[in-house]
């Protein structure tokens, strides 16, 4: 994520980059040292998408300040 946004790694924490999930559970996080998108919680596909062929989890990325 940091590479895609062209942010240096210290800027990830300094700029207030956050991952926001729409549901109650925060499934994703941004690793502060690497800038990678990582799973923050176990994702149980059978529970989340039991009757759906294609399971999609959406999240938003917020970056404070100017880009």
Protein backbone atom coordinates (compact mmCIF):
# COMPACT_ATOMS: atom_id res chain seq x y z
CA UNK A 1 0.00 0.00 0.00
CA UNK A 2 2.79 2.41 0.92
CA UNK A 3 4.52 1.68 -2.41
CA UNK A 4 1.28 2.15 -4.39
CA UNK A 5 0.70 5.53 -2.70
CA UNK A 6 4.37 6.48 -3.09
CA UNK A 7 4.75 7.04 0.64
CA UNK A 8 8.03 6.54 2.45
CA UNK A 9 7.72 4.10 5.36
CA UNK A 10 8.03 6.68 8.17
CA UNK A 11 5.20 8.61 6.49
CA UNK A 12 2.78 5.70 6.89
CA UNK A 13 2.58 6.23 10.65
CA UNK A 14 3.15 10.00 10.53
CA UNK A 15 0.38 10.70 8.01
CA UNK A 16 -2.27 8.74 9.88
CA UNK A 17 -2.82 6.08 7.21
CA UNK A 18 -5.65 3.82 8.40
CA UNK A 19 -7.62 0.86 7.07
CA UNK A 20 -11.36 1.00 7.78
CA UNK A 21 -13.59 -2.04 7.41
CA UNK A 22 -17.34 -1.53 6.99
CA UNK A 23 -18.31 -4.29 9.42
CA UNK A 24 -17.79 -4.67 13.13
CA UNK A 25 -14.61 -6.72 12.79
CA UNK A 26 -11.36 -5.14 11.63
CA UNK A 27 -10.02 -7.80 9.25
CA UNK A 28 -7.17 -5.80 7.73
CA UNK A 29 -4.36 -3.63 9.03
CA UNK A 30 -1.42 -1.73 7.61
CA UNK A 31 1.96 -3.01 8.81
CA UNK A 32 3.82 0.10 10.00
CA UNK A 33 7.33 -1.19 9.26
CA UNK A 34 6.70 -2.55 5.75
CA UNK A 35 3.61 -0.67 4.55
CA UNK A 36 2.00 -4.00 3.55
CA UNK A 37 -1.70 -4.74 3.87
CA UNK A 38 -2.01 -7.66 6.31
CA UNK A 39 -4.82 -9.64 7.90
CA UNK A 40 -5.53 -8.45 11.42
CA UNK A 41 -8.16 -11.06 12.26
CA UNK A 42 -8.96 -14.61 11.16
CA UNK A 43 -11.25 -14.56 8.11
CA UNK A 44 -13.87 -17.32 8.22
CA UNK A 45 -15.25 -17.52 4.68
CA UNK A 46 -17.93 -20.07 5.59
CA UNK A 47 -19.36 -17.76 8.25
CA UNK A 48 -19.09 -14.52 6.24
CA UNK A 49 -20.20 -15.74 2.82
CA UNK A 50 -21.92 -19.05 3.41
CA UNK A 51 -24.38 -18.84 0.52
CA UNK A 52 -22.33 -16.76 -1.93
CA UNK A 53 -20.03 -18.19 -4.62
CA UNK A 54 -17.68 -15.20 -4.66
CA UNK A 55 -16.73 -13.75 -1.27
CA UNK A 56 -15.63 -10.10 -1.24
CA UNK A 57 -14.48 -8.09 1.78
CA UNK A 58 -14.31 -4.37 1.26
CA UNK A 59 -12.30 -1.86 3.23
CA UNK A 60 -11.30 1.77 2.84
CA UNK A 61 -7.90 3.38 3.16
CA UNK A 62 -7.75 6.82 4.79
CA UNK A 63 -4.70 9.03 4.45
CA UNK A 64 -4.64 12.27 6.42
CA UNK A 65 -3.02 15.35 4.92
CA UNK A 66 -2.26 16.27 1.34
CA UNK A 67 -1.36 13.72 -1.30
